[in-house]
Amino acid sequence: MQPNRVEDDSRFKKMAKNARVSLFFLVLILLATFVSRAVFIDKIGANFIGLTTTIVNIVGFLNLAEMGFASVVAFALYGPIHSKNTVEISAIVTVFAYIYRRVGLVVMTIGIVGGIFIPYFFRSSGFSAGTILSTYYIYLFTTIIGYFFNYREILLVADQKNYVKISIFNSLKLVKLGAQMIAVSYLDGKIFWWLGLELFSLVAYAYLLNLKILQVYPWLDVDVRSGKNLSRDYLIIYKKSKQAFVHKLAAVVLQQTSPIFVFVFLNLQVVTKYTNYTIIITALTSVITALFDSTNAGVGNLVAARNLKRTFGVYWELQVSRFWLAGVAAYTLFSTIDLFIGAWVGEKYVLPKPVVTVLVAGFFITVARKTTDEFISASGLYHDTAAPLAEAAINIIVTMVLGKMYGVFGIAMGSVVSLLIIVGLWKPIFLHKEALGGNVHIYFAKTGGFLLILIFSAIVTTKIGVVRFGSQGMLDFVCVSIQRSAVFGAISFFLFFIFCDDMRILSRRFRRHVYLKRG
C-alpha cells in the first residue's frame, strides 16, 4: 500500500474511533439532557433556567481574553506530533500553560469586578441578589478552572485523542444530571443543590482529566515556571493569536448574544422557550460534529505534509459528506422539531414557524461551514481579521434592529444574515485563494450543485406521505423523524453518489476501512 494511503487510512481510523466514542456518549447525554430539562423546568421553573442560560452566555464573553490561543497552539502542535518530537511538544504545552495561567488571572479579575453589576442587570428578573450572584460566581469559577488546570487537553485535541476527554467529561455529566434531578425533586434548597453539583462536576473533571493525560503521555514534561522563558522561542504563537482573537470575537458574538438579546427585548421565560430550540439544534450539531471532530487534527497533519493535491481531495470528501449530513439533519429538524417540543415540554413552548425556519437555516450553515473552518485553522490562516469583525458587526446590527422590530424572529435573523455573507461567501473564497490553489469557481460550482441536490430531495420527500400517530406525542415524533430522515437521506445520498465524484471516493474509503477492520 502507498505511504500516502496508509497515512490517510490511519487518520480515518482515528476519526472513526473518536466518532464512535462521541456518538455513544452523545446519545446518552441527549436523552439525559432532554429528560432533565423537563424536570428542571417543572421543579425550579422556566425563569431560573432562563437566568442560568443568560448568565452562562454573559460569562462566555470573558473567554474573549483567551484570544484564540488554543486554536493557534493546536496548529503549532501538528508539526511536532507528525514528527514525534516529544521535546518540542512538551515545550509548546508549557508555553500554553504559562499563557493560560495569565489569561485565567485576567478572566478572574474582570469576572469578579463585573459581578458587582450583575444583580442590576437582572433587577427585573424576580430573583434575589444572592441567588443571582451565586449563580454568576459559580459559572465564573467553573470557567476559571479550565485556564489553570485543563491546559494539557490541547494535546489530546491535536493528537486525535478526543475520545479520552469526551469519555471523562460526559461520564461526569451523566452523573451530574442524575444527581441534579434527584436534588431538585426531593431536597430543600433546590437551586443551591443544582448549582453546587455544577461546580463539583467541573472540579472532578479537571482532576480526572489531568490524571488520565499523565497516563497517556507519561513523557509530557510541563513546568509552568519556565513558560515565560520558553515563550520567547514561540513568538509566532503570540502573533497568530492576535489574528485569531478577532475570529474568536466573531464566534463569541454569534454563540453568546442571542439569549442575552432575547432577555433584553423580551423576558426570561422567552429565553427558556428560545433555548429549548437551540438546545435541540446544538445537540444535533454536536452529533454531526462528533462524526468529524477528530478531522481537525487529521486535517492539521495533512496540511503539515504539504501535499496540495491530497489536501484538495480530502477537503471535498469532507465537504460533500458534511453537506449531505447537514441537509438530512436540517430537513428532518424542520419537519419534526415542533412535534418534539410539544411532546417534550408542552405546546405552549412551540415557536412560530418563521422563527423555526430561520433557526434551521442557521443550523445548516453552521454545520456545512465546518470543513472550510477546519482547513483555515489547520493552515494557520488567521490574518484575515476584517471578515470576523464584519461578521460580528453585521450580527449585532441586524439583531438590534430586527430584534426590536420583530422579537425572536429578528434576533435569529441577525445570526443567519452574518453567516450567509461572511461564512457562505467570503471564507470559502479566502481559503481557496490562500491554501487550495485559487480554484474558487470550482467551489461555487460544486456547492451550488450540492444545494440543488438537497433542494430537489426536499421537494420529493415532502410530496411523499408519512404514517402519523395522531396525538401520541413522542411516538409520533419518532415515527415521523425516522420516515423523513430515511427517505430524504436515501434520495439525497443516491443523487450525491451519482453526480459527485467526491462522494464515491469517500464511500470507497469507508468500505476499505470496514474491510480492514473486519480483517
Protein backbone atom coordinates (compact mmCIF):
# COMPACT_ATOMS: atom_id res chain seq x y z
CA MET A 1 0.00 0.00 0.00
CA GLN A 2 1.28 3.50 -0.83
CA PRO A 3 2.55 5.64 2.10
CA ASN A 4 0.03 8.40 1.40
CA ARG A 5 -2.85 5.93 1.50
CA VAL A 6 -1.52 4.41 4.73
CA GLU A 7 -1.46 7.88 6.34
CA ASP A 8 -4.96 8.69 5.09
CA ASP A 9 -6.33 5.39 6.35
CA SER A 10 -4.61 5.91 9.72
CA ARG A 11 -6.27 9.31 10.05
CA PHE A 12 -9.58 7.75 9.06
CA LYS A 13 -9.23 5.06 11.76
CA LYS A 14 -8.56 7.70 14.41
CA MET A 15 -11.52 9.71 13.17
CA ALA A 16 -13.70 6.61 13.36
CA LYS A 17 -12.64 5.82 16.94
CA ASN A 18 -13.33 9.37 18.10
CA ALA A 19 -16.66 9.32 16.29
CA ARG A 20 -17.75 6.04 17.89
CA VAL A 21 -16.97 7.24 21.41
CA SER A 22 -18.51 10.66 20.79
CA LEU A 23 -21.70 9.25 19.34
CA PHE A 24 -22.09 6.71 22.14
CA PHE A 25 -21.94 9.41 24.79
CA LEU A 26 -23.93 11.88 22.75
CA VAL A 27 -26.90 9.55 22.58
CA LEU A 28 -26.80 9.10 26.36
CA ILE A 29 -26.24 12.81 27.00
CA LEU A 30 -29.07 13.84 24.68
CA LEU A 31 -31.51 11.52 26.41
CA ALA A 32 -30.37 12.69 29.85
CA THR A 33 -30.46 16.37 28.82
CA PHE A 34 -33.98 16.25 27.44
CA VAL A 35 -35.32 14.32 30.43
CA SER A 36 -33.50 16.54 32.95
CA ARG A 37 -34.53 19.82 31.32
CA ALA A 38 -38.20 18.86 31.50
CA VAL A 39 -37.68 18.04 35.19
CA PHE A 40 -35.77 21.29 35.85
CA ILE A 41 -38.43 23.45 34.16
CA ASP A 42 -41.11 21.72 36.23
CA LYS A 43 -39.28 21.75 39.58
CA ILE A 44 -37.30 25.00 39.60
CA GLY A 45 -39.12 26.97 36.91
CA ALA A 46 -38.60 28.36 33.42
CA ASN A 47 -37.42 31.69 34.84
CA PHE A 48 -34.43 30.16 36.66
CA ILE A 49 -33.48 28.12 33.59
CA GLY A 50 -33.63 31.35 31.59
CA LEU A 51 -31.49 33.07 34.23
CA THR A 52 -28.75 30.42 34.13
CA THR A 53 -28.77 30.42 30.32
CA THR A 54 -28.32 34.18 30.18
CA ILE A 55 -25.59 34.18 32.83
CA VAL A 56 -23.69 31.38 31.06
CA ASN A 57 -23.72 33.49 27.90
CA ILE A 58 -22.54 36.58 29.77
CA VAL A 59 -19.68 34.62 31.36
CA GLY A 60 -18.90 33.27 27.89
CA PHE A 61 -17.85 36.77 26.84
CA LEU A 62 -15.00 36.64 29.35
CA ASN A 63 -13.48 33.87 27.23
CA LEU A 64 -12.52 36.59 24.75
CA ALA A 65 -9.48 37.06 26.98
CA GLU A 66 -8.32 33.66 25.71
CA MET A 67 -7.69 35.43 22.36
CA GLY A 68 -7.76 32.21 20.34
CA PHE A 69 -4.57 30.80 21.87
CA ALA A 70 -6.00 27.26 21.95
CA SER A 71 -6.55 27.03 18.20
CA VAL A 72 -3.11 28.53 17.49
CA VAL A 73 -1.33 26.15 19.90
CA ALA A 74 -3.17 23.18 18.37
CA PHE A 75 -1.88 24.38 14.98
CA ALA A 76 1.65 24.65 16.40
CA LEU A 77 1.46 21.08 17.73
CA TYR A 78 0.55 19.42 14.42
CA GLY A 79 4.13 19.51 13.11
CA PRO A 80 5.86 18.11 16.24
CA ILE A 81 3.17 15.43 16.59
CA HIS A 82 3.64 14.46 12.94
CA SER A 83 7.43 14.12 13.50
CA LYS A 84 7.01 12.62 17.03
CA ASN A 85 9.20 15.32 18.61
CA THR A 86 8.26 14.87 22.28
CA VAL A 87 10.68 17.54 23.49
CA GLU A 88 9.09 20.24 21.35
CA ILE A 89 5.59 19.04 22.23
CA SER A 90 6.38 19.46 25.93
CA ALA A 91 7.83 22.90 25.28
CA ILE A 92 4.75 24.08 23.37
CA VAL A 93 2.36 22.76 26.04
CA THR A 94 4.49 24.52 28.69
CA VAL A 95 4.18 27.80 26.82
CA PHE A 96 0.45 27.22 26.52
CA ALA A 97 0.19 26.56 30.27
CA TYR A 98 2.04 29.80 31.02
CA ILE A 99 -0.23 31.78 28.68
CA TYR A 100 -3.39 30.19 30.05
CA ARG A 101 -2.42 30.96 33.65
CA ARG A 102 -2.08 34.64 32.72
CA VAL A 103 -5.37 34.58 30.80
CA GLY A 104 -7.04 32.92 33.79
CA LEU A 105 -5.92 35.76 36.07
CA VAL A 106 -7.36 38.31 33.64
CA VAL A 107 -10.67 36.44 33.39
CA MET A 108 -10.85 36.08 37.16
CA THR A 109 -10.17 39.77 37.78
CA ILE A 110 -12.65 41.04 35.19
CA GLY A 111 -15.21 38.47 36.26
CA ILE A 112 -15.06 39.30 39.96
CA VAL A 113 -15.31 43.06 39.32
CA GLY A 114 -18.03 42.58 36.71
CA GLY A 115 -20.09 40.58 39.17
CA ILE A 116 -20.84 43.81 41.05
CA PHE A 117 -23.13 44.90 38.21
CA ILE A 118 -24.84 41.56 37.56
CA PRO A 119 -27.72 41.98 40.06
CA TYR A 120 -28.52 45.36 38.47
CA PHE A 121 -28.72 43.78 35.01
CA PHE A 122 -31.23 41.21 36.30
CA ARG A 123 -33.10 43.60 38.59
CA SER A 124 -36.43 42.82 36.84
CA SER A 125 -35.94 39.02 36.93
CA GLY A 126 -37.67 38.49 40.27
CA PHE A 127 -34.66 36.71 41.82
CA SER A 128 -32.77 37.90 44.88
CA ALA A 129 -29.30 39.38 44.56
CA GLY A 130 -27.93 36.38 46.48
CA THR A 131 -29.34 33.88 44.00
CA ILE A 132 -28.13 35.90 41.01
CA LEU A 133 -24.62 36.37 42.41
CA SER A 134 -24.32 32.72 43.50
CA THR A 135 -25.27 31.57 40.02
CA TYR A 136 -22.90 34.02 38.35
CA TYR A 137 -19.85 33.31 40.51
CA ILE A 138 -20.24 29.53 40.29
CA TYR A 139 -20.26 29.67 36.50
CA LEU A 140 -17.37 32.12 36.59
CA PHE A 141 -15.36 29.74 38.80
CA THR A 142 -16.04 26.75 36.53
CA THR A 143 -14.70 28.83 33.63
CA ILE A 144 -11.55 29.83 35.51
CA ILE A 145 -10.78 26.19 36.43
CA GLY A 146 -10.18 25.42 32.77
CA TYR A 147 -7.47 28.06 32.44
CA PHE A 148 -5.48 26.94 35.46
CA PHE A 149 -5.78 23.16 35.25
CA ASN A 150 -7.05 21.90 31.88
CA TYR A 151 -4.41 23.28 29.51
CA ARG A 152 -2.96 19.78 28.83
CA GLU A 153 -6.13 18.73 26.99
CA ILE A 154 -4.90 20.69 23.96
CA LEU A 155 -2.54 17.77 23.29
CA LEU A 156 -5.45 15.33 23.13
CA VAL A 157 -7.18 17.58 20.60
CA ALA A 158 -4.12 17.94 18.38
CA ASP A 159 -3.26 14.23 18.64
CA GLN A 160 -6.73 12.99 17.56
CA LYS A 161 -7.44 11.51 21.01
CA ASN A 162 -10.54 13.50 21.85
CA TYR A 163 -12.23 10.29 22.96
CA VAL A 164 -10.22 10.46 26.22
CA LYS A 165 -11.66 13.77 27.39
CA ILE A 166 -15.07 13.04 25.87
CA SER A 167 -15.35 9.85 27.92
CA ILE A 168 -14.43 11.56 31.19
CA PHE A 169 -16.46 14.72 30.67
CA ASN A 170 -19.64 13.00 29.53
CA SER A 171 -19.49 10.28 32.20
CA LEU A 172 -19.37 13.00 34.85
CA LYS A 173 -22.10 14.97 33.11
CA LEU A 174 -24.44 11.96 33.20
CA VAL A 175 -23.79 11.53 36.92
CA LYS A 176 -24.29 15.27 37.48
CA LEU A 177 -27.63 15.41 35.63
CA GLY A 178 -28.90 12.39 37.53
CA ALA A 179 -27.88 13.90 40.87
CA GLN A 180 -29.41 17.26 39.96
CA MET A 181 -32.75 15.66 39.05
CA ILE A 182 -32.81 13.85 42.39
CA ALA A 183 -31.83 17.02 44.27
CA VAL A 184 -34.46 19.31 42.73
CA SER A 185 -37.14 16.64 43.10
CA TYR A 186 -36.60 15.59 46.72
CA LEU A 187 -34.37 18.06 48.58
CA ASP A 188 -34.85 21.54 50.00
CA GLY A 189 -32.72 24.37 48.63
CA LYS A 190 -33.19 23.08 45.09
CA ILE A 191 -31.35 25.92 43.37
CA PHE A 192 -28.24 25.72 45.54
CA TRP A 193 -28.02 21.94 45.27
CA TRP A 194 -28.29 22.36 41.49
CA LEU A 195 -25.51 24.94 41.39
CA GLY A 196 -23.30 23.02 43.79
CA LEU A 197 -23.44 19.92 41.60
CA GLU A 198 -22.49 22.04 38.58
CA LEU A 199 -19.37 23.16 40.42
CA PHE A 200 -18.47 19.73 41.78
CA SER A 201 -18.68 18.06 38.35
CA LEU A 202 -16.25 20.57 36.79
CA VAL A 203 -13.74 20.21 39.64
CA ALA A 204 -13.92 16.42 39.33
CA TYR A 205 -13.44 16.69 35.56
CA ALA A 206 -10.27 18.76 35.94
CA TYR A 207 -8.79 16.24 38.38
CA LEU A 208 -9.64 13.09 36.40
CA LEU A 209 -8.68 14.61 33.04
CA ASN A 210 -5.18 15.54 34.16
CA LEU A 211 -4.72 12.16 35.81
CA LYS A 212 -5.57 10.41 32.54
CA ILE A 213 -3.42 12.70 30.39
CA LEU A 214 -0.38 11.87 32.50
CA GLN A 215 -1.11 8.18 31.89
CA VAL A 216 -1.49 8.63 28.12
CA TYR A 217 1.59 10.90 27.83
CA PRO A 218 3.97 9.87 30.66
CA TRP A 219 6.80 11.68 28.89
CA LEU A 220 4.96 15.04 28.92
CA ASP A 221 7.09 17.46 30.96
CA VAL A 222 5.31 20.73 31.76
CA ASP A 223 6.96 23.31 34.03
CA VAL A 224 4.78 26.42 34.05
CA ARG A 225 7.55 28.47 35.68
CA SER A 226 9.77 28.02 32.62
CA GLY A 227 6.95 29.06 30.28
CA LYS A 228 7.97 32.71 30.25
CA ASN A 229 11.49 31.96 29.02
CA LEU A 230 10.33 29.32 26.54
CA SER A 231 7.69 31.65 25.12
CA ARG A 232 10.46 33.75 23.56
CA ASP A 233 11.14 30.82 21.23
CA TYR A 234 7.50 30.68 20.16
CA LEU A 235 6.64 34.29 19.43
CA ILE A 236 4.70 33.02 16.41
CA ILE A 237 2.02 31.85 18.88
CA TYR A 238 1.52 35.43 20.10
CA LYS A 239 1.49 36.78 16.56
CA LYS A 240 -1.04 34.25 15.33
CA SER A 241 -3.15 34.65 18.46
CA LYS A 242 -3.56 38.37 17.87
CA GLN A 243 -5.02 37.44 14.49
CA ALA A 244 -7.07 34.58 15.93
CA PHE A 245 -8.57 36.87 18.56
CA VAL A 246 -10.86 38.61 16.12
CA HIS A 247 -12.02 35.23 14.80
CA LYS A 248 -12.83 34.23 18.36
CA LEU A 249 -14.64 37.53 18.85
CA ALA A 250 -16.99 36.73 15.96
CA ALA A 251 -17.59 33.22 17.30
CA VAL A 252 -18.41 34.50 20.79
CA VAL A 253 -20.78 37.14 19.42
CA LEU A 254 -22.58 34.54 17.31
CA GLN A 255 -22.84 31.98 20.09
CA GLN A 256 -23.43 34.11 23.18
CA THR A 257 -25.51 37.17 22.26
CA SER A 258 -28.87 35.75 21.16
CA PRO A 259 -30.19 34.69 24.61
CA ILE A 260 -28.98 38.00 26.06
CA PHE A 261 -30.89 39.97 23.40
CA VAL A 262 -33.96 37.80 23.96
CA PHE A 263 -33.82 38.74 27.65
CA VAL A 264 -33.27 42.44 26.89
CA PHE A 265 -36.10 42.69 24.34
CA LEU A 266 -38.46 40.16 25.95
CA ASN A 267 -38.08 38.22 29.24
CA LEU A 268 -36.54 35.15 30.93
CA GLN A 269 -39.47 32.87 30.04
CA VAL A 270 -38.94 33.59 26.35
CA VAL A 271 -35.22 32.90 26.87
CA THR A 272 -36.17 29.41 28.08
CA LYS A 273 -38.59 28.98 25.16
CA TYR A 274 -35.93 30.07 22.67
CA THR A 275 -33.17 27.98 24.23
CA ASN A 276 -35.36 24.87 24.19
CA TYR A 277 -34.96 25.05 20.41
CA THR A 278 -31.29 25.97 20.50
CA ILE A 279 -30.58 23.05 22.85
CA ILE A 280 -32.04 20.67 20.27
CA ILE A 281 -30.17 22.37 17.45
CA THR A 282 -26.93 22.39 19.43
CA ALA A 283 -27.39 18.73 20.29
CA LEU A 284 -27.87 17.81 16.65
CA THR A 285 -24.88 19.94 15.71
CA SER A 286 -22.86 18.07 18.34
CA VAL A 287 -23.85 14.71 16.86
CA ILE A 288 -22.62 15.71 13.43
CA THR A 289 -19.54 17.39 14.91
CA ALA A 290 -18.75 14.17 16.74
CA LEU A 291 -18.61 12.34 13.43
CA PHE A 292 -15.99 14.79 12.19
CA ASP A 293 -14.43 16.05 15.42
CA SER A 294 -11.08 14.34 15.02
CA THR A 295 -10.76 15.59 11.45
CA ASN A 296 -9.39 18.83 12.95
CA ALA A 297 -6.14 17.12 13.90
CA GLY A 298 -6.22 14.87 10.82
CA VAL A 299 -6.52 17.90 8.58
CA GLY A 300 -3.74 19.59 10.52
CA ASN A 301 -1.43 16.64 9.95
CA LEU A 302 -2.46 16.51 6.30
CA VAL A 303 -1.69 20.20 5.76
CA ALA A 304 1.62 19.75 7.60
CA ALA A 305 2.58 17.12 4.97
CA ARG A 306 2.29 19.88 2.30
CA ASN A 307 0.67 17.88 -0.48
CA LEU A 308 -1.77 20.26 -2.20
CA LYS A 309 -3.43 17.64 -4.40
CA ARG A 310 -4.23 15.34 -1.47
CA THR A 311 -5.31 18.28 0.66
CA PHE A 312 -7.70 19.49 -2.04
CA GLY A 313 -9.13 16.00 -2.48
CA VAL A 314 -9.71 15.42 1.25
CA TYR A 315 -11.32 18.87 1.51
CA TRP A 316 -14.01 17.91 -0.97
CA GLU A 317 -14.54 14.47 0.54
CA LEU A 318 -15.25 16.11 3.89
CA GLN A 319 -17.27 18.89 2.29
CA VAL A 320 -19.67 16.61 0.41
CA SER A 321 -20.21 14.42 3.47
CA ARG A 322 -20.93 17.45 5.66
CA PHE A 323 -23.37 18.90 3.15
CA TRP A 324 -25.21 15.60 2.90
CA LEU A 325 -25.46 15.12 6.67
CA ALA A 326 -26.33 18.80 7.22
CA GLY A 327 -29.08 18.50 4.62
CA VAL A 328 -30.58 15.34 6.13
CA ALA A 329 -30.46 16.82 9.63
CA ALA A 330 -31.85 20.23 8.61
CA TYR A 331 -34.78 18.76 6.68
CA THR A 332 -35.65 16.34 9.48
CA LEU A 333 -35.28 19.10 12.07
CA PHE A 334 -37.57 21.47 10.17
CA SER A 335 -40.18 18.75 9.68
CA THR A 336 -40.30 17.46 13.25
CA ILE A 337 -38.88 19.88 15.82
CA ASP A 338 -42.31 21.31 16.73
CA LEU A 339 -43.60 17.78 17.34
CA PHE A 340 -40.71 17.15 19.70
CA ILE A 341 -41.12 20.43 21.60
CA GLY A 342 -44.84 19.76 22.08
CA ALA A 343 -44.23 16.23 23.37
CA TRP A 344 -41.22 17.27 25.47
CA VAL A 345 -42.22 20.42 27.38
CA GLY A 346 -45.68 21.28 26.03
CA GLU A 347 -47.37 23.10 23.15
CA LYS A 348 -47.03 26.47 24.90
CA TYR A 349 -43.26 26.34 24.23
CA VAL A 350 -43.62 25.98 20.42
CA LEU A 351 -42.20 28.93 18.43
CA PRO A 352 -43.80 30.33 15.24
CA LYS A 353 -42.78 28.58 12.01
CA PRO A 354 -40.90 31.61 10.53
CA VAL A 355 -38.63 31.58 13.60
CA VAL A 356 -38.07 27.84 13.25
CA THR A 357 -37.20 28.28 9.56
CA VAL A 358 -34.53 30.85 10.38
CA LEU A 359 -33.09 28.73 13.20
CA VAL A 360 -32.86 25.68 10.92
CA ALA A 361 -31.20 27.77 8.18
CA GLY A 362 -28.60 28.90 10.70
CA PHE A 363 -28.10 25.30 11.78
CA PHE A 364 -27.45 24.15 8.21
CA ILE A 365 -24.90 26.88 7.53
CA THR A 366 -23.17 26.23 10.87
CA VAL A 367 -22.76 22.51 10.13
CA ALA A 368 -21.81 22.95 6.47
CA ARG A 369 -19.20 25.61 7.25
CA LYS A 370 -17.03 23.40 9.45
CA THR A 371 -14.88 21.92 6.70
CA THR A 372 -13.79 25.35 5.49
CA ASP A 373 -13.13 26.47 9.07
CA GLU A 374 -11.02 23.36 9.76
CA PHE A 375 -8.78 23.94 6.75
CA ILE A 376 -8.40 27.66 7.51
CA SER A 377 -7.35 26.83 11.07
CA ALA A 378 -5.07 23.94 10.06
CA SER A 379 -3.34 26.20 7.53
CA GLY A 380 -2.78 28.91 10.15
CA LEU A 381 -4.72 31.47 8.10
CA TYR A 382 -5.61 33.87 10.89
CA HIS A 383 -4.54 37.10 9.18
CA ASP A 384 -7.96 37.69 7.63
CA THR A 385 -9.08 39.80 10.58
CA ALA A 386 -11.57 42.03 8.74
CA ALA A 387 -14.01 39.20 7.99
CA PRO A 388 -14.80 38.13 11.59
CA LEU A 389 -15.11 41.76 12.67
CA ALA A 390 -17.57 42.32 9.84
CA GLU A 391 -19.42 39.14 10.82
CA ALA A 392 -19.75 40.27 14.44
CA ALA A 393 -20.82 43.79 13.41
CA ILE A 394 -23.45 42.51 10.96
CA ASN A 395 -24.79 40.14 13.57
CA ILE A 396 -25.15 42.77 16.27
CA ILE A 397 -26.59 45.48 13.99
CA VAL A 398 -29.16 43.20 12.34
CA THR A 399 -30.08 41.63 15.69
CA MET A 400 -30.60 45.00 17.39
CA VAL A 401 -32.62 46.48 14.54
CA LEU A 402 -34.75 43.45 13.66
CA GLY A 403 -34.92 42.19 17.26
CA LYS A 404 -36.57 45.39 18.39
CA MET A 405 -39.00 45.24 15.45
CA TYR A 406 -39.78 41.51 15.21
CA GLY A 407 -38.69 39.97 18.52
CA VAL A 408 -37.29 36.43 18.41
CA PHE A 409 -37.53 36.25 14.60
CA GLY A 410 -35.37 39.36 14.22
CA ILE A 411 -32.83 38.12 16.75
CA ALA A 412 -32.48 34.80 14.89
CA MET A 413 -32.12 36.66 11.59
CA GLY A 414 -29.04 38.52 12.85
CA SER A 415 -27.05 35.30 13.01
CA VAL A 416 -28.25 33.96 9.67
CA VAL A 417 -27.55 37.17 7.73
CA SER A 418 -23.98 37.39 9.06
CA LEU A 419 -23.40 33.69 8.36
CA LEU A 420 -24.62 33.97 4.77
CA ILE A 421 -22.42 36.93 3.92
CA ILE A 422 -19.18 36.01 5.66
CA VAL A 423 -19.30 32.22 6.03
CA GLY A 424 -21.27 31.34 2.92
CA LEU A 425 -19.48 33.70 0.54
CA TRP A 426 -16.23 35.17 1.81
CA LYS A 427 -14.49 32.45 3.83
CA PRO A 428 -14.50 29.83 1.03
CA ILE A 429 -13.04 32.44 -1.33
CA PHE A 430 -10.34 33.27 1.20
CA LEU A 431 -9.42 29.61 1.83
CA HIS A 432 -9.22 28.66 -1.82
CA LYS A 433 -7.11 31.67 -2.74
CA GLU A 434 -4.73 31.26 0.20
CA ALA A 435 -4.36 27.49 0.58
CA LEU A 436 -6.19 25.41 -2.04
CA GLY A 437 -4.82 26.69 -5.30
CA GLY A 438 -7.24 29.51 -6.05
CA ASN A 439 -9.99 27.33 -7.55
CA VAL A 440 -12.83 29.49 -6.25
CA HIS A 441 -15.07 28.85 -9.28
CA ILE A 442 -14.87 25.11 -8.55
CA TYR A 443 -16.08 25.75 -5.00
CA PHE A 444 -19.17 27.68 -6.02
CA ALA A 445 -19.97 25.30 -8.88
CA LYS A 446 -19.76 22.24 -6.62
CA THR A 447 -21.54 23.88 -3.70
CA GLY A 448 -24.31 25.08 -6.00
CA GLY A 449 -24.71 21.50 -7.22
CA PHE A 450 -24.86 20.22 -3.64
CA LEU A 451 -27.61 22.70 -2.78
CA LEU A 452 -29.64 21.79 -5.87
CA ILE A 453 -29.47 18.11 -4.89
CA LEU A 454 -30.67 18.92 -1.36
CA ILE A 455 -33.49 21.17 -2.57
CA PHE A 456 -34.70 18.58 -5.07
CA SER A 457 -34.54 15.87 -2.41
CA ALA A 458 -36.58 18.05 -0.03
CA ILE A 459 -39.27 18.65 -2.65
CA VAL A 460 -39.57 14.95 -3.48
CA THR A 461 -39.55 13.88 0.19
CA THR A 462 -42.24 16.42 1.11
CA LYS A 463 -44.55 15.01 -1.56
CA ILE A 464 -44.23 11.54 -0.05
CA GLY A 465 -46.70 11.00 2.77
CA VAL A 466 -45.84 9.74 6.23
CA VAL A 467 -47.60 7.47 8.69
CA ARG A 468 -48.80 9.51 11.69
CA PHE A 469 -49.82 8.51 15.20
CA GLY A 470 -52.12 11.45 15.81
CA SER A 471 -51.65 12.92 19.25
CA GLN A 472 -49.35 10.16 20.50
CA GLY A 473 -46.67 12.72 21.38
CA MET A 474 -43.14 11.34 21.36
CA LEU A 475 -44.17 8.24 19.41
CA ASP A 476 -45.49 10.43 16.60
CA PHE A 477 -42.27 12.46 16.61
CA VAL A 478 -40.05 9.38 16.45
CA CYS A 479 -42.12 7.82 13.67
CA VAL A 480 -42.18 10.96 11.51
CA SER A 481 -38.47 11.64 12.13
CA ILE A 482 -37.44 8.16 11.04
CA GLN A 483 -39.54 8.33 7.90
CA ARG A 484 -38.45 11.83 6.90
CA SER A 485 -34.74 11.29 7.57
CA ALA A 486 -34.68 7.86 5.88
CA VAL A 487 -36.46 9.00 2.71
CA PHE A 488 -34.57 12.28 2.41
CA GLY A 489 -31.27 10.60 3.26
CA ALA A 490 -31.71 7.83 0.71
CA ILE A 491 -32.78 10.13 -2.11
CA SER A 492 -30.05 12.71 -1.48
CA PHE A 493 -27.30 10.11 -1.00
CA PHE A 494 -28.26 8.40 -4.26
CA LEU A 495 -28.08 11.72 -6.11
CA PHE A 496 -24.78 12.68 -4.48
CA PHE A 497 -23.31 9.27 -5.34
CA ILE A 498 -24.45 9.54 -8.97
CA PHE A 499 -23.38 13.13 -9.62
CA CYS A 500 -20.42 13.71 -7.24
CA ASP A 501 -17.03 12.01 -7.60
CA ASP A 502 -16.11 13.07 -4.07
CA MET A 503 -18.96 11.07 -2.55
CA ARG A 504 -17.92 7.96 -4.49
CA ILE A 505 -14.27 8.34 -3.37
CA LEU A 506 -15.34 8.78 0.25
CA SER A 507 -17.63 5.74 0.03
CA ARG A 508 -14.77 3.59 -1.24
CA ARG A 509 -12.54 4.80 1.59
CA PHE A 510 -15.23 3.95 4.13
CA ARG A 511 -15.74 0.45 2.67
CA ARG A 512 -11.98 -0.15 2.75
CA HIS A 513 -11.86 0.89 6.41
CA VAL A 514 -14.69 -1.51 7.28
CA TYR A 515 -12.99 -4.31 5.34
CA LEU A 516 -9.64 -3.74 7.09
CA LYS A 517 -11.33 -3.62 10.47
CA ARG A 518 -13.10 -6.94 9.86
CA GLY A 519 -9.90 -8.45 8.55
